[in-house]
N, C-alpha and C. Protein backbone atom coordinates (compact mmCIF):
# COMPACT_ATOMS: atom_id res chain seq x y z
N UNK A 1 -22.41 11.22 10.18
CA UNK A 1 -21.84 11.74 11.43
C UNK A 1 -20.47 11.11 11.66
N UNK A 2 -19.50 11.93 11.97
CA UNK A 2 -18.16 11.41 12.22
C UNK A 2 -18.08 10.81 13.61
N UNK A 3 -17.08 9.96 13.79
CA UNK A 3 -16.93 9.26 15.06
C UNK A 3 -15.57 9.58 15.65
N UNK A 4 -15.56 9.94 16.91
CA UNK A 4 -14.30 10.28 17.56
C UNK A 4 -13.43 9.05 17.73
N UNK A 5 -12.14 9.22 17.50
CA UNK A 5 -11.17 8.17 17.70
C UNK A 5 -10.34 8.52 18.93
N UNK A 6 -10.14 7.62 19.87
CA UNK A 6 -9.37 7.93 21.08
C UNK A 6 -7.96 8.36 20.75
N UNK A 7 -7.36 9.12 21.68
CA UNK A 7 -6.03 9.67 21.44
C UNK A 7 -4.99 8.58 21.28
N UNK A 8 -5.19 7.37 21.90
CA UNK A 8 -4.21 6.31 21.73
C UNK A 8 -4.19 5.80 20.31
N UNK A 9 -5.32 5.92 19.61
CA UNK A 9 -5.35 5.57 18.19
C UNK A 9 -4.46 6.52 17.42
N UNK A 10 -4.60 7.81 17.74
CA UNK A 10 -3.79 8.82 17.08
C UNK A 10 -2.32 8.55 17.34
N UNK A 11 -1.99 8.23 18.58
CA UNK A 11 -0.58 8.02 18.93
C UNK A 11 0.03 6.90 18.12
N UNK A 12 -0.65 5.78 18.05
CA UNK A 12 -0.05 4.64 17.37
C UNK A 12 0.04 4.85 15.88
N UNK A 13 -0.92 5.55 15.30
CA UNK A 13 -0.94 5.73 13.86
C UNK A 13 -0.18 6.96 13.41
N UNK A 14 0.33 7.74 14.35
CA UNK A 14 1.04 8.98 14.06
C UNK A 14 0.18 9.85 13.16
N UNK A 15 -1.01 10.17 13.65
CA UNK A 15 -1.92 10.97 12.86
C UNK A 15 -2.16 12.29 13.54
N UNK A 16 -2.65 13.24 12.76
CA UNK A 16 -2.87 14.57 13.30
C UNK A 16 -4.33 14.92 13.40
N UNK A 17 -5.21 13.94 13.18
CA UNK A 17 -6.64 14.19 13.20
C UNK A 17 -7.28 13.11 14.04
N UNK A 18 -8.24 13.47 14.89
CA UNK A 18 -8.84 12.47 15.77
C UNK A 18 -10.26 12.13 15.37
N UNK A 19 -10.60 12.32 14.08
CA UNK A 19 -11.93 11.95 13.62
C UNK A 19 -11.82 11.06 12.39
N UNK A 20 -12.81 10.18 12.24
CA UNK A 20 -12.96 9.45 11.01
C UNK A 20 -13.72 10.37 10.07
N UNK A 21 -13.23 10.54 8.87
CA UNK A 21 -13.79 11.56 7.99
C UNK A 21 -14.20 10.96 6.66
N UNK A 22 -15.06 11.71 5.95
CA UNK A 22 -15.52 11.30 4.64
C UNK A 22 -14.67 11.94 3.56
N UNK A 23 -14.71 11.36 2.35
CA UNK A 23 -14.00 11.96 1.24
C UNK A 23 -13.15 10.93 0.52
N UNK A 24 -12.54 11.37 -0.56
CA UNK A 24 -11.70 10.49 -1.37
C UNK A 24 -10.33 11.11 -1.54
N UNK A 25 -9.31 10.34 -1.26
CA UNK A 25 -7.94 10.83 -1.44
C UNK A 25 -7.36 10.27 -2.72
N UNK A 26 -6.62 11.10 -3.44
CA UNK A 26 -5.96 10.67 -4.66
C UNK A 26 -4.47 10.54 -4.40
N UNK A 27 -3.85 9.42 -4.75
CA UNK A 27 -2.42 9.27 -4.52
C UNK A 27 -1.64 10.21 -5.42
N UNK A 28 -0.44 10.66 -4.98
CA UNK A 28 0.35 11.52 -5.82
C UNK A 28 0.80 10.79 -7.07
N UNK A 29 0.75 11.50 -8.20
CA UNK A 29 1.18 10.90 -9.45
C UNK A 29 2.69 10.79 -9.48
N UNK A 30 3.19 9.68 -9.99
CA UNK A 30 4.64 9.50 -10.08
C UNK A 30 4.95 8.58 -11.25
N UNK A 31 6.04 8.86 -11.96
CA UNK A 31 6.47 8.00 -13.04
C UNK A 31 7.05 6.71 -12.46
N UNK A 32 6.81 5.57 -13.10
CA UNK A 32 7.37 4.32 -12.58
C UNK A 32 8.89 4.35 -12.63
N UNK A 33 9.51 3.71 -11.64
CA UNK A 33 10.97 3.65 -11.59
C UNK A 33 11.47 2.53 -12.50
N UNK A 34 12.71 2.63 -12.99
CA UNK A 34 13.27 1.56 -13.81
C UNK A 34 13.35 0.25 -13.03
N UNK A 35 13.42 -0.85 -13.75
CA UNK A 35 13.54 -2.16 -13.11
C UNK A 35 14.78 -2.19 -12.23
N UNK A 36 14.65 -2.80 -11.04
CA UNK A 36 15.77 -2.90 -10.13
C UNK A 36 15.95 -1.71 -9.22
N UNK A 37 15.11 -0.69 -9.39
CA UNK A 37 15.17 0.51 -8.56
C UNK A 37 13.93 0.55 -7.67
N UNK A 38 14.11 0.89 -6.40
CA UNK A 38 12.97 0.96 -5.48
C UNK A 38 11.96 1.99 -5.98
N UNK A 39 10.72 1.59 -6.07
CA UNK A 39 9.65 2.42 -6.63
C UNK A 39 8.51 2.49 -5.63
N UNK A 40 8.25 3.68 -5.10
CA UNK A 40 7.18 3.84 -4.12
C UNK A 40 5.84 3.41 -4.69
N UNK A 41 5.64 3.64 -5.98
CA UNK A 41 4.37 3.26 -6.60
C UNK A 41 4.11 1.76 -6.54
N UNK A 42 5.19 0.98 -6.54
CA UNK A 42 5.04 -0.47 -6.43
C UNK A 42 4.99 -0.93 -4.98
N UNK A 43 5.73 -0.22 -4.12
CA UNK A 43 5.82 -0.63 -2.71
C UNK A 43 4.51 -0.38 -1.97
N UNK A 44 3.91 0.79 -2.18
CA UNK A 44 2.66 1.13 -1.50
C UNK A 44 1.54 0.24 -2.01
N UNK A 45 0.75 -0.29 -1.10
CA UNK A 45 -0.24 -1.31 -1.47
C UNK A 45 -1.47 -0.74 -2.15
N UNK A 46 -1.95 0.39 -1.68
CA UNK A 46 -3.20 0.92 -2.19
C UNK A 46 -4.40 0.31 -1.49
N UNK A 47 -5.56 0.93 -1.68
CA UNK A 47 -6.75 0.55 -0.93
C UNK A 47 -7.23 -0.88 -1.17
N UNK A 48 -7.39 -1.33 -2.42
CA UNK A 48 -7.91 -2.70 -2.61
C UNK A 48 -7.04 -3.77 -1.96
N UNK A 49 -5.72 -3.65 -2.10
CA UNK A 49 -4.84 -4.66 -1.50
C UNK A 49 -4.84 -4.56 0.02
N UNK A 50 -4.88 -3.34 0.54
CA UNK A 50 -4.92 -3.19 1.99
C UNK A 50 -6.19 -3.83 2.55
N UNK A 51 -7.33 -3.62 1.89
CA UNK A 51 -8.57 -4.25 2.34
C UNK A 51 -8.43 -5.77 2.38
N UNK A 52 -7.85 -6.33 1.33
CA UNK A 52 -7.72 -7.78 1.25
C UNK A 52 -6.79 -8.32 2.34
N UNK A 53 -5.70 -7.62 2.60
CA UNK A 53 -4.71 -8.10 3.56
C UNK A 53 -5.24 -8.09 4.98
N UNK A 54 -5.95 -7.00 5.36
CA UNK A 54 -6.43 -6.89 6.74
C UNK A 54 -7.84 -7.44 6.91
N UNK A 55 -8.44 -7.94 5.83
CA UNK A 55 -9.76 -8.53 5.92
C UNK A 55 -10.87 -7.53 6.13
N UNK A 56 -10.76 -6.37 5.49
CA UNK A 56 -11.77 -5.32 5.63
C UNK A 56 -12.56 -5.18 4.33
N UNK A 57 -13.78 -4.64 4.45
CA UNK A 57 -14.60 -4.41 3.27
C UNK A 57 -14.38 -3.00 2.74
N UNK A 58 -15.34 -2.55 1.90
CA UNK A 58 -15.17 -1.25 1.25
C UNK A 58 -15.24 -0.07 2.21
N UNK A 59 -15.57 -0.33 3.47
CA UNK A 59 -15.60 0.76 4.44
C UNK A 59 -14.19 1.16 4.90
N UNK A 60 -13.18 0.38 4.56
CA UNK A 60 -11.80 0.80 4.82
C UNK A 60 -11.40 1.76 3.70
N UNK A 61 -11.13 3.00 4.06
CA UNK A 61 -10.82 4.03 3.08
C UNK A 61 -9.64 4.88 3.55
N UNK A 62 -9.03 5.57 2.60
CA UNK A 62 -7.95 6.50 2.92
C UNK A 62 -8.53 7.73 3.60
N UNK A 63 -7.88 8.19 4.66
CA UNK A 63 -8.25 9.47 5.27
C UNK A 63 -7.71 10.56 4.35
N UNK A 64 -8.57 11.39 3.76
CA UNK A 64 -8.14 12.31 2.70
C UNK A 64 -7.00 13.23 3.08
N UNK A 65 -6.95 13.66 4.32
CA UNK A 65 -5.91 14.60 4.74
C UNK A 65 -4.63 13.90 5.18
N UNK A 66 -4.59 12.59 5.05
CA UNK A 66 -3.46 11.83 5.59
C UNK A 66 -2.86 10.91 4.55
N UNK A 67 -2.58 11.50 3.39
CA UNK A 67 -1.88 10.82 2.31
C UNK A 67 -0.76 11.76 1.90
N UNK A 68 0.43 11.55 2.46
CA UNK A 68 1.47 12.57 2.38
C UNK A 68 2.73 12.09 1.68
N UNK A 69 3.44 13.04 1.09
CA UNK A 69 4.69 12.74 0.39
C UNK A 69 5.90 13.28 1.14
N UNK A 70 5.70 13.73 2.38
CA UNK A 70 6.81 14.15 3.23
C UNK A 70 6.43 13.89 4.69
N UNK A 71 7.41 13.58 5.54
CA UNK A 71 7.12 13.32 6.95
C UNK A 71 6.46 14.52 7.62
N UNK A 72 5.53 14.23 8.54
CA UNK A 72 4.77 15.28 9.22
C UNK A 72 4.96 15.17 10.72
N UNK A 73 5.18 16.30 11.36
CA UNK A 73 5.29 16.35 12.82
C UNK A 73 4.06 17.04 13.39
N UNK A 74 3.59 16.56 14.53
CA UNK A 74 2.49 17.20 15.25
C UNK A 74 3.08 17.75 16.54
N UNK A 75 3.63 18.94 16.45
CA UNK A 75 4.43 19.50 17.53
C UNK A 75 3.66 19.65 18.84
N UNK A 76 2.39 20.07 18.76
CA UNK A 76 1.62 20.30 19.98
C UNK A 76 1.45 19.00 20.77
N UNK A 77 1.22 17.90 20.08
CA UNK A 77 1.07 16.62 20.77
C UNK A 77 2.43 16.06 21.20
N UNK A 78 3.44 16.24 20.38
CA UNK A 78 4.77 15.76 20.75
C UNK A 78 5.25 16.40 22.04
N UNK A 79 4.87 17.65 22.24
CA UNK A 79 5.32 18.38 23.43
C UNK A 79 4.70 17.85 24.72
N UNK A 80 3.67 17.01 24.60
CA UNK A 80 2.97 16.52 25.80
C UNK A 80 3.58 15.23 26.35
N UNK A 81 4.57 14.65 25.66
CA UNK A 81 5.16 13.40 26.12
C UNK A 81 6.67 13.57 26.25
N UNK A 82 7.35 12.67 26.99
CA UNK A 82 8.79 12.81 27.19
C UNK A 82 9.55 12.86 25.87
N UNK A 83 10.64 13.62 25.80
CA UNK A 83 11.40 13.77 24.55
C UNK A 83 11.74 12.45 23.85
N UNK A 84 12.17 11.40 24.57
CA UNK A 84 12.50 10.16 23.84
C UNK A 84 11.32 9.52 23.13
N UNK A 85 10.10 9.89 23.54
CA UNK A 85 8.89 9.28 22.96
C UNK A 85 8.27 10.13 21.86
N UNK A 86 8.86 11.26 21.55
CA UNK A 86 8.20 12.19 20.64
C UNK A 86 8.14 11.69 19.20
N UNK A 87 8.88 10.63 18.90
CA UNK A 87 8.76 10.04 17.57
C UNK A 87 7.33 9.56 17.31
N UNK A 88 6.57 9.32 18.37
CA UNK A 88 5.17 8.91 18.21
C UNK A 88 4.40 9.93 17.40
N UNK A 89 4.70 11.21 17.60
CA UNK A 89 3.99 12.28 16.91
C UNK A 89 4.89 13.05 15.94
N UNK A 90 6.14 12.63 15.78
CA UNK A 90 7.08 13.35 14.92
C UNK A 90 7.68 12.39 13.90
N UNK A 91 7.16 12.41 12.70
CA UNK A 91 7.67 11.50 11.67
C UNK A 91 9.10 11.82 11.27
N UNK A 92 9.52 13.07 11.43
CA UNK A 92 10.91 13.39 11.11
C UNK A 92 11.86 12.68 12.06
N UNK A 93 11.40 12.39 13.28
CA UNK A 93 12.23 11.64 14.23
C UNK A 93 12.26 10.16 13.90
N UNK A 94 11.29 9.70 13.13
CA UNK A 94 11.26 8.31 12.69
C UNK A 94 12.11 8.12 11.44
N UNK A 95 11.87 8.96 10.43
CA UNK A 95 12.46 8.76 9.11
C UNK A 95 13.72 9.58 8.85
N UNK A 96 14.07 10.48 9.77
CA UNK A 96 15.28 11.26 9.61
C UNK A 96 15.18 12.29 8.50
N UNK A 97 16.33 12.78 8.06
CA UNK A 97 16.36 13.87 7.08
C UNK A 97 17.03 13.49 5.77
N UNK A 98 17.39 12.22 5.61
CA UNK A 98 18.16 11.84 4.42
C UNK A 98 17.36 11.07 3.37
N UNK A 99 16.07 10.87 3.60
CA UNK A 99 15.25 10.16 2.61
C UNK A 99 15.14 10.98 1.33
N UNK A 100 15.22 10.30 0.20
CA UNK A 100 15.08 10.98 -1.08
C UNK A 100 13.64 10.94 -1.58
N UNK A 101 12.87 9.95 -1.14
CA UNK A 101 11.45 9.89 -1.47
C UNK A 101 10.70 9.31 -0.28
N UNK A 102 9.44 9.72 -0.15
CA UNK A 102 8.64 9.31 1.01
C UNK A 102 7.18 9.29 0.62
N UNK A 103 6.46 8.33 1.16
CA UNK A 103 5.00 8.30 0.98
C UNK A 103 4.39 7.57 2.17
N UNK A 104 3.35 8.15 2.73
CA UNK A 104 2.64 7.51 3.83
C UNK A 104 1.14 7.75 3.66
N UNK A 105 0.38 6.69 3.84
CA UNK A 105 -1.07 6.75 3.71
C UNK A 105 -1.71 6.11 4.94
N UNK A 106 -2.70 6.78 5.51
CA UNK A 106 -3.42 6.24 6.66
C UNK A 106 -4.86 5.93 6.26
N UNK A 107 -5.31 4.75 6.65
CA UNK A 107 -6.65 4.27 6.33
C UNK A 107 -7.49 4.19 7.61
N UNK A 108 -8.78 4.44 7.45
CA UNK A 108 -9.72 4.34 8.56
C UNK A 108 -10.69 3.19 8.28
N UNK A 109 -11.13 2.54 9.35
CA UNK A 109 -12.12 1.48 9.22
C UNK A 109 -13.16 1.67 10.32
N UNK A 110 -14.20 2.49 10.06
CA UNK A 110 -15.19 2.86 11.08
C UNK A 110 -15.86 1.70 11.80
N UNK A 111 -16.16 0.56 11.15
CA UNK A 111 -16.83 -0.51 11.89
C UNK A 111 -16.08 -0.97 13.13
N UNK A 112 -14.75 -0.85 13.13
CA UNK A 112 -13.94 -1.25 14.28
C UNK A 112 -13.29 -0.05 14.96
N UNK A 113 -13.65 1.17 14.53
CA UNK A 113 -12.96 2.37 14.99
C UNK A 113 -11.45 2.16 14.89
N UNK A 114 -11.03 1.58 13.77
CA UNK A 114 -9.65 1.16 13.59
C UNK A 114 -8.94 2.01 12.55
N UNK A 115 -7.62 2.07 12.68
CA UNK A 115 -6.76 2.76 11.73
C UNK A 115 -5.57 1.87 11.39
N UNK A 116 -5.08 2.01 10.17
CA UNK A 116 -3.83 1.36 9.78
C UNK A 116 -3.15 2.26 8.76
N UNK A 117 -1.85 2.37 8.86
CA UNK A 117 -1.10 3.19 7.90
C UNK A 117 0.01 2.37 7.27
N UNK A 118 0.37 2.75 6.05
CA UNK A 118 1.53 2.19 5.38
C UNK A 118 2.43 3.34 4.97
N UNK A 119 3.72 3.22 5.25
CA UNK A 119 4.67 4.26 4.90
C UNK A 119 5.96 3.67 4.39
N UNK A 120 6.62 4.39 3.51
CA UNK A 120 7.90 3.94 2.97
C UNK A 120 8.79 5.13 2.68
N UNK A 121 10.05 5.01 3.05
CA UNK A 121 11.04 6.05 2.75
C UNK A 121 12.21 5.40 2.03
N UNK A 122 12.67 6.06 0.97
CA UNK A 122 13.81 5.57 0.19
C UNK A 122 15.02 6.44 0.51
N UNK A 123 16.15 5.79 0.74
CA UNK A 123 17.39 6.48 1.13
C UNK A 123 18.46 6.32 0.06
N UNK A 124 19.52 7.13 0.14
CA UNK A 124 20.56 7.07 -0.89
C UNK A 124 21.26 5.72 -0.96
N UNK A 125 21.37 5.03 0.17
CA UNK A 125 22.02 3.72 0.18
C UNK A 125 21.53 2.90 1.37
N UNK A 126 21.93 1.64 1.39
CA UNK A 126 21.48 0.73 2.45
C UNK A 126 21.96 1.18 3.82
N UNK A 127 23.19 1.68 3.89
CA UNK A 127 23.73 2.12 5.17
C UNK A 127 22.90 3.23 5.77
N UNK A 128 22.44 4.15 4.93
CA UNK A 128 21.62 5.26 5.42
C UNK A 128 20.29 4.75 5.97
N UNK A 129 19.68 3.79 5.29
CA UNK A 129 18.41 3.23 5.76
C UNK A 129 18.59 2.53 7.10
N UNK A 130 19.67 1.75 7.24
CA UNK A 130 19.92 1.06 8.51
C UNK A 130 20.25 2.05 9.62
N UNK A 131 20.94 3.12 9.30
CA UNK A 131 21.26 4.13 10.32
C UNK A 131 19.99 4.74 10.89
N UNK A 132 19.01 5.00 10.03
CA UNK A 132 17.74 5.57 10.50
C UNK A 132 17.02 4.59 11.40
N UNK A 133 16.98 3.31 11.01
CA UNK A 133 16.33 2.31 11.86
C UNK A 133 17.06 2.18 13.20
N UNK A 134 18.38 2.16 13.18
CA UNK A 134 19.14 2.04 14.43
C UNK A 134 18.84 3.20 15.37
N UNK A 135 18.74 4.40 14.81
CA UNK A 135 18.43 5.58 15.63
C UNK A 135 17.04 5.46 16.23
N UNK A 136 16.09 4.93 15.45
CA UNK A 136 14.73 4.76 15.96
C UNK A 136 14.69 3.72 17.07
N UNK A 137 15.42 2.63 16.91
CA UNK A 137 15.48 1.60 17.96
C UNK A 137 16.00 2.20 19.25
N UNK A 138 17.01 3.05 19.15
CA UNK A 138 17.56 3.70 20.35
C UNK A 138 16.52 4.59 21.01
N UNK A 139 15.72 5.29 20.21
CA UNK A 139 14.67 6.15 20.78
C UNK A 139 13.61 5.30 21.47
N UNK A 140 13.22 4.21 20.86
CA UNK A 140 12.22 3.34 21.46
C UNK A 140 12.72 2.80 22.80
N UNK A 141 13.97 2.40 22.86
CA UNK A 141 14.54 1.89 24.11
C UNK A 141 14.51 2.97 25.19
N UNK A 142 14.85 4.20 24.82
CA UNK A 142 14.81 5.30 25.79
C UNK A 142 13.38 5.58 26.22
N UNK A 143 12.46 5.58 25.25
CA UNK A 143 11.05 5.85 25.56
C UNK A 143 10.50 4.81 26.52
N UNK A 144 10.87 3.56 26.33
CA UNK A 144 10.36 2.48 27.18
C UNK A 144 10.73 2.68 28.64
N UNK A 145 11.81 3.41 28.89
CA UNK A 145 12.26 3.63 30.26
C UNK A 145 11.67 4.88 30.90
N UNK A 146 10.82 5.61 30.17
CA UNK A 146 10.21 6.81 30.72
C UNK A 146 8.88 6.48 31.38
N UNK A 147 8.31 7.48 32.05
CA UNK A 147 7.01 7.29 32.70
C UNK A 147 5.90 6.99 31.69
N UNK A 148 6.04 7.51 30.47
CA UNK A 148 5.03 7.29 29.44
C UNK A 148 5.25 6.00 28.67
N UNK A 149 6.42 5.40 28.84
CA UNK A 149 6.77 4.23 28.05
C UNK A 149 5.78 3.09 28.07
N UNK A 150 5.27 2.67 29.25
CA UNK A 150 4.34 1.55 29.27
C UNK A 150 3.08 1.76 28.43
N UNK A 151 2.66 3.00 28.28
CA UNK A 151 1.46 3.27 27.50
C UNK A 151 1.72 3.45 26.02
N UNK A 152 2.99 3.58 25.63
CA UNK A 152 3.33 3.86 24.24
C UNK A 152 4.08 2.73 23.56
N UNK A 153 5.03 2.13 24.27
CA UNK A 153 5.85 1.06 23.68
C UNK A 153 6.08 -0.04 24.72
N UNK A 154 5.02 -0.49 25.35
CA UNK A 154 5.17 -1.42 26.48
C UNK A 154 5.89 -2.70 26.09
N UNK A 155 5.62 -3.21 24.90
CA UNK A 155 6.31 -4.40 24.39
C UNK A 155 7.02 -4.03 23.10
N UNK A 156 8.31 -4.31 23.02
CA UNK A 156 9.02 -4.03 21.78
C UNK A 156 10.18 -5.00 21.61
N UNK A 157 10.55 -5.22 20.37
CA UNK A 157 11.73 -6.02 20.07
C UNK A 157 12.29 -5.57 18.73
N UNK A 158 13.58 -5.78 18.56
CA UNK A 158 14.26 -5.34 17.35
C UNK A 158 15.40 -6.27 17.01
N UNK A 159 15.73 -6.31 15.72
CA UNK A 159 16.95 -6.97 15.29
C UNK A 159 17.64 -6.02 14.30
N UNK A 160 18.57 -6.51 13.54
CA UNK A 160 19.33 -5.62 12.67
C UNK A 160 18.55 -5.02 11.53
N UNK A 161 17.36 -5.57 11.23
CA UNK A 161 16.61 -5.08 10.08
C UNK A 161 15.15 -4.77 10.39
N UNK A 162 14.71 -4.95 11.64
CA UNK A 162 13.30 -4.73 11.93
C UNK A 162 13.09 -4.26 13.36
N UNK A 163 11.91 -3.69 13.58
CA UNK A 163 11.50 -3.20 14.90
C UNK A 163 10.01 -3.39 15.02
N UNK A 164 9.56 -3.89 16.17
CA UNK A 164 8.13 -4.01 16.45
C UNK A 164 7.86 -3.40 17.82
N UNK A 165 6.78 -2.62 17.92
CA UNK A 165 6.33 -2.13 19.22
C UNK A 165 4.85 -2.43 19.36
N UNK A 166 4.41 -2.56 20.62
CA UNK A 166 3.00 -2.87 20.87
C UNK A 166 2.60 -2.32 22.22
N UNK A 167 1.44 -1.67 22.25
CA UNK A 167 0.89 -1.15 23.51
C UNK A 167 -0.62 -1.15 23.39
N UNK A 168 -1.29 -1.90 24.25
CA UNK A 168 -2.74 -1.96 24.20
C UNK A 168 -3.21 -2.55 22.88
N UNK A 169 -4.09 -1.83 22.20
CA UNK A 169 -4.67 -2.29 20.94
C UNK A 169 -3.91 -1.75 19.74
N UNK A 170 -2.75 -1.15 19.98
CA UNK A 170 -2.02 -0.45 18.94
C UNK A 170 -0.59 -0.96 18.81
N UNK A 171 -0.01 -0.72 17.67
CA UNK A 171 1.37 -1.13 17.49
C UNK A 171 1.98 -0.54 16.24
N UNK A 172 3.28 -0.85 16.06
CA UNK A 172 4.05 -0.38 14.92
C UNK A 172 4.96 -1.51 14.45
N UNK A 173 5.22 -1.52 13.15
CA UNK A 173 6.17 -2.48 12.58
C UNK A 173 7.05 -1.75 11.58
N UNK A 174 8.36 -1.96 11.70
CA UNK A 174 9.33 -1.34 10.80
C UNK A 174 10.22 -2.43 10.22
N UNK A 175 10.62 -2.23 8.98
CA UNK A 175 11.57 -3.15 8.36
C UNK A 175 12.42 -2.41 7.35
N UNK A 176 13.72 -2.68 7.36
CA UNK A 176 14.61 -2.17 6.32
C UNK A 176 14.85 -3.28 5.31
N UNK A 177 14.67 -2.95 4.05
CA UNK A 177 15.07 -3.85 2.97
C UNK A 177 15.77 -3.01 1.92
N UNK A 178 17.00 -3.35 1.63
CA UNK A 178 17.80 -2.59 0.68
C UNK A 178 17.88 -1.13 1.14
N UNK A 179 17.43 -0.20 0.30
CA UNK A 179 17.53 1.23 0.63
C UNK A 179 16.22 1.78 1.19
N UNK A 180 15.29 0.92 1.55
CA UNK A 180 13.94 1.34 1.94
C UNK A 180 13.66 1.01 3.40
N UNK A 181 13.08 1.98 4.11
CA UNK A 181 12.54 1.75 5.45
C UNK A 181 11.02 1.72 5.34
N UNK A 182 10.42 0.62 5.74
CA UNK A 182 8.97 0.44 5.70
C UNK A 182 8.40 0.64 7.09
N UNK A 183 7.21 1.22 7.15
CA UNK A 183 6.53 1.42 8.43
C UNK A 183 5.06 1.05 8.29
N UNK A 184 4.54 0.34 9.27
CA UNK A 184 3.10 0.10 9.40
C UNK A 184 2.72 0.45 10.82
N UNK A 185 1.71 1.30 10.99
CA UNK A 185 1.17 1.58 12.32
C UNK A 185 -0.30 1.17 12.32
N UNK A 186 -0.80 0.78 13.49
CA UNK A 186 -2.17 0.27 13.51
C UNK A 186 -2.78 0.41 14.89
N UNK A 187 -4.08 0.53 14.91
CA UNK A 187 -4.91 0.41 16.11
C UNK A 187 -6.19 -0.30 15.69
N UNK A 188 -6.57 -1.30 16.44
CA UNK A 188 -7.79 -2.03 16.13
C UNK A 188 -7.59 -3.19 15.17
N UNK A 189 -6.42 -3.29 14.56
CA UNK A 189 -6.05 -4.46 13.78
C UNK A 189 -5.03 -5.27 14.57
N UNK A 190 -4.71 -6.46 14.08
CA UNK A 190 -3.81 -7.34 14.83
C UNK A 190 -2.36 -7.16 14.40
N UNK A 191 -1.47 -7.65 15.26
CA UNK A 191 -0.04 -7.63 14.92
C UNK A 191 0.23 -8.47 13.68
N UNK A 192 -0.49 -9.56 13.53
CA UNK A 192 -0.30 -10.40 12.34
C UNK A 192 -0.76 -9.68 11.08
N UNK A 193 -1.81 -8.85 11.19
CA UNK A 193 -2.23 -8.03 10.06
C UNK A 193 -1.09 -7.10 9.65
N UNK A 194 -0.48 -6.44 10.65
CA UNK A 194 0.61 -5.51 10.37
C UNK A 194 1.79 -6.23 9.72
N UNK A 195 2.10 -7.43 10.21
CA UNK A 195 3.21 -8.18 9.63
C UNK A 195 2.93 -8.55 8.17
N UNK A 196 1.68 -8.88 7.86
CA UNK A 196 1.32 -9.18 6.48
C UNK A 196 1.46 -7.96 5.59
N UNK A 197 1.08 -6.80 6.11
CA UNK A 197 1.22 -5.56 5.34
C UNK A 197 2.70 -5.30 5.04
N UNK A 198 3.54 -5.41 6.07
CA UNK A 198 4.98 -5.20 5.88
C UNK A 198 5.54 -6.19 4.86
N UNK A 199 5.18 -7.45 4.99
CA UNK A 199 5.69 -8.48 4.09
C UNK A 199 5.31 -8.19 2.64
N UNK A 200 4.08 -7.77 2.43
CA UNK A 200 3.63 -7.47 1.07
C UNK A 200 4.32 -6.23 0.51
N UNK A 201 4.54 -5.23 1.35
CA UNK A 201 5.28 -4.05 0.90
C UNK A 201 6.72 -4.44 0.55
N UNK A 202 7.35 -5.22 1.42
CA UNK A 202 8.75 -5.60 1.21
C UNK A 202 8.93 -6.42 -0.06
N UNK A 203 7.91 -7.16 -0.44
CA UNK A 203 8.03 -8.01 -1.63
C UNK A 203 8.22 -7.19 -2.91
N UNK A 204 7.88 -5.90 -2.85
CA UNK A 204 8.03 -5.03 -4.02
C UNK A 204 9.35 -4.27 -4.03
N UNK A 205 10.18 -4.50 -3.00
CA UNK A 205 11.48 -3.82 -2.93
C UNK A 205 12.53 -4.72 -3.56
N UNK A 206 13.24 -4.25 -4.58
CA UNK A 206 14.29 -5.08 -5.19
C UNK A 206 15.39 -5.41 -4.20
N UNK A 207 16.01 -6.56 -4.38
CA UNK A 207 17.14 -6.92 -3.54
C UNK A 207 16.81 -7.94 -2.48
């Protein structure tokens, strides 16, 4: 029997499904990148490493319909919140239109009704990656000042290479390293778990 996940879980994880589901997802096949080149296959952690990092057992699994190679928008849900906050449900507003490669995977952990996702986008150059992060920081700042802000990004901070948001039991972590923008979203896990995921992803980015 599937278990309903509250809408705030969906919001923080940028997901389009509100149920924990059964099944097995297969990652997209990709040739390894040459040494010194950002390689999504190396950056993405995969299920065994994600379990180890967040302290979960084999019940942490990939949601089969949520392993994507392009940003996804959930227009119906985005339309229900103020425009500056629509990045919550619109990945194109997070990652922009200049990424050359993208991969995002969302995991479910039924024992805690928890979700965590890992995402990475590769851009043509470092300036492009930083431009996307800067635009996202501006959106978060605008969202925080709206009526919906306290429930979506009540606590947030940013510097030139990273962004963190937190609201209730959910949060997001972003980091730019070289030409890559990394994203981790979570509900039911801790901020320190998210930081560990980001750190481990970043360790696979050259530079």
